[in-house]
């Protein structure tokens, strides 16, 4: 004897799957139509990837430091980092910025705070919470703002 409850469940699942597929096809059809939104990047489409500005090495200020816009701002990276490899096992930044390699490379040494773990214990290597440099540090770029603004850095605010 056939168990029609199982057949009914299978039929219901097949019907739901068919409706879901039709819904996805409808959404995909709408997504392919021209978008009425305008991009802040000018004539570049919203779906298009804007190429990164060409940044080689920025002109270093006389005192060797870039201005910061607010207290505790992480220092900016003054060079390109395209293709730099940072994985859980390897950080290419450290080949120049970790002690003692930084003296040979002429690069700033990583801050001592990067060697302290969350409990304040001093480590011999960069702590895991500070290992991925680009979480905080970004390459400096002389890029114009996408929209006008009235931002003032901390030294300009009165």
Protein backbone atom coordinates (compact mmCIF):
# COMPACT_ATOMS: atom_id res chain seq x y z
CA UNK A 1 0.00 0.00 0.00
CA UNK A 2 1.32 3.47 -0.92
CA UNK A 3 1.83 6.10 1.77
CA UNK A 4 0.21 9.18 0.20
CA UNK A 5 1.40 11.47 3.02
CA UNK A 6 4.99 11.00 1.79
CA UNK A 7 3.85 11.66 -1.80
CA UNK A 8 2.01 14.82 -0.68
CA UNK A 9 5.10 16.12 1.14
CA UNK A 10 7.25 15.51 -1.94
CA UNK A 11 4.70 17.24 -4.17
CA UNK A 12 4.57 20.24 -1.82
CA UNK A 13 8.38 20.46 -1.74
CA UNK A 14 8.57 20.27 -5.55
CA UNK A 15 5.92 23.00 -5.88
CA UNK A 16 7.78 25.28 -3.45
CA UNK A 17 11.06 24.67 -5.30
CA UNK A 18 9.41 25.56 -8.62
CA UNK A 19 7.91 28.76 -7.21
CA UNK A 20 11.27 29.72 -5.69
CA UNK A 21 13.02 29.17 -9.05
CA UNK A 22 10.43 31.31 -10.87
CA UNK A 23 10.89 34.04 -8.23
CA UNK A 24 14.67 34.00 -8.68
CA UNK A 25 14.33 34.22 -12.44
CA UNK A 26 12.03 37.23 -12.06
CA UNK A 27 14.43 38.99 -9.69
CA UNK A 28 17.38 38.24 -12.00
CA UNK A 29 15.43 39.66 -14.94
CA UNK A 30 14.83 42.92 -13.07
CA UNK A 31 18.47 43.12 -11.97
CA UNK A 32 19.63 43.05 -15.60
CA UNK A 33 17.62 46.14 -16.45
CA UNK A 34 19.39 49.50 -16.39
CA UNK A 35 19.63 50.87 -12.88
CA UNK A 36 18.02 54.32 -12.39
CA UNK A 37 20.58 55.19 -9.68
CA UNK A 38 23.49 57.50 -10.41
CA UNK A 39 26.99 56.80 -9.16
CA UNK A 40 28.93 59.29 -7.05
CA UNK A 41 31.93 58.33 -9.17
CA UNK A 42 30.59 60.09 -12.26
CA UNK A 43 29.87 58.13 -15.42
CA UNK A 44 31.02 54.85 -13.88
CA UNK A 45 28.17 52.36 -13.55
CA UNK A 46 27.19 51.18 -10.09
CA UNK A 47 28.08 47.59 -10.96
CA UNK A 48 31.46 48.60 -12.42
CA UNK A 49 34.63 48.47 -10.36
CA UNK A 50 36.43 51.78 -10.19
CA UNK A 51 40.19 51.37 -10.68
CA UNK A 52 42.32 52.28 -7.68
CA UNK A 53 44.26 55.51 -8.07
CA UNK A 54 47.89 55.08 -9.07
CA UNK A 55 49.87 55.61 -5.88
CA UNK A 56 53.54 54.86 -5.80
CA UNK A 57 55.30 56.61 -2.95
CA UNK A 58 53.85 59.74 -1.46
CA UNK A 59 56.02 62.77 -0.87
CA UNK A 60 57.19 62.50 2.72
CA UNK A 61 56.78 65.62 4.88
CA UNK A 62 59.99 67.17 6.22
CA UNK A 63 59.43 65.78 9.71
CA UNK A 64 58.87 62.29 8.29
CA UNK A 65 55.30 61.99 9.54
CA UNK A 66 51.96 62.42 7.78
CA UNK A 67 49.39 64.62 9.49
CA UNK A 68 46.63 62.80 11.33
CA UNK A 69 43.02 63.88 11.27
CA UNK A 70 42.13 62.84 14.82
CA UNK A 71 43.74 61.60 18.04
CA UNK A 72 44.77 57.95 18.01
CA UNK A 73 44.49 57.73 14.21
CA UNK A 74 46.71 54.88 12.99
CA UNK A 75 49.59 56.08 10.80
CA UNK A 76 49.01 56.02 7.04
CA UNK A 77 51.01 53.74 4.75
CA UNK A 78 53.17 55.94 2.47
CA UNK A 79 53.64 53.32 -0.29
CA UNK A 80 51.67 50.90 -2.46
CA UNK A 81 50.69 47.60 -0.91
CA UNK A 82 49.11 45.98 -3.97
CA UNK A 83 49.92 42.28 -3.86
CA UNK A 84 51.20 42.32 -0.27
CA UNK A 85 50.42 39.00 1.30
CA UNK A 86 48.89 38.91 4.76
CA UNK A 87 47.58 35.53 5.89
CA UNK A 88 47.18 33.94 9.31
CA UNK A 89 50.71 32.52 8.93
CA UNK A 90 52.58 35.26 7.07
CA UNK A 91 52.58 39.05 7.04
CA UNK A 92 54.72 40.65 4.33
CA UNK A 93 54.64 44.02 6.10
CA UNK A 94 56.73 42.55 8.90
CA UNK A 95 59.65 41.81 6.54
CA UNK A 96 60.44 45.55 6.75
CA UNK A 97 58.60 46.85 9.82
CA UNK A 98 59.36 44.26 12.51
CA UNK A 99 62.46 44.54 14.67
CA UNK A 100 65.35 44.21 13.78
CA UNK A 101 64.65 44.18 10.01
CA UNK A 102 63.27 47.73 10.17
CA UNK A 103 66.74 49.26 10.69
CA UNK A 104 68.12 47.58 7.58
CA UNK A 105 65.04 48.51 5.53
CA UNK A 106 64.94 52.08 6.90
CA UNK A 107 61.29 51.57 7.81
CA UNK A 108 59.44 52.65 10.96
CA UNK A 109 59.28 49.90 13.57
CA UNK A 110 55.90 48.57 14.59
CA UNK A 111 54.62 50.22 17.77
CA UNK A 112 55.47 48.47 21.03
CA UNK A 113 51.73 48.26 21.73
CA UNK A 114 51.46 45.71 18.93
CA UNK A 115 53.49 43.23 21.02
CA UNK A 116 51.04 43.22 23.96
CA UNK A 117 48.15 40.76 24.03
CA UNK A 118 44.67 41.57 25.38
CA UNK A 119 45.72 40.75 28.94
CA UNK A 120 48.73 43.09 28.69
CA UNK A 121 51.31 40.29 28.45
CA UNK A 122 54.45 41.22 26.49
CA UNK A 123 55.14 38.92 23.53
CA UNK A 124 58.24 38.43 21.37
CA UNK A 125 56.17 38.66 18.18
CA UNK A 126 53.24 40.74 16.98
CA UNK A 127 50.07 39.74 18.82
CA UNK A 128 47.35 38.07 16.76
CA UNK A 129 44.94 40.96 17.34
CA UNK A 130 47.40 43.35 15.64
CA UNK A 131 48.71 40.99 12.94
CA UNK A 132 46.47 42.16 10.07
CA UNK A 133 47.85 45.66 9.45
CA UNK A 134 45.22 46.79 6.96
CA UNK A 135 42.47 46.49 9.56
CA UNK A 136 43.69 49.87 10.84
CA UNK A 137 46.34 51.21 8.47
CA UNK A 138 45.51 52.34 4.92
CA UNK A 139 47.70 53.59 2.07
CA UNK A 140 47.77 57.35 1.76
CA UNK A 141 46.19 58.62 -1.42
CA UNK A 142 45.61 62.14 -2.66
CA UNK A 143 42.06 61.33 -3.69
CA UNK A 144 39.37 63.98 -3.94
CA UNK A 145 36.24 63.38 -1.85
CA UNK A 146 33.30 61.81 -3.68
CA UNK A 147 30.97 64.38 -2.15
CA UNK A 148 31.71 67.80 -0.71
CA UNK A 149 32.01 67.99 3.06
CA UNK A 150 33.06 70.34 5.82
CA UNK A 151 35.33 67.93 7.72
CA UNK A 152 37.92 69.62 9.94
CA UNK A 153 40.72 67.70 11.56
CA UNK A 154 41.21 67.84 15.31
CA UNK A 155 43.64 70.79 15.12
CA UNK A 156 41.12 72.94 13.21
CA UNK A 157 38.13 72.41 15.51
CA UNK A 158 37.66 75.18 18.07
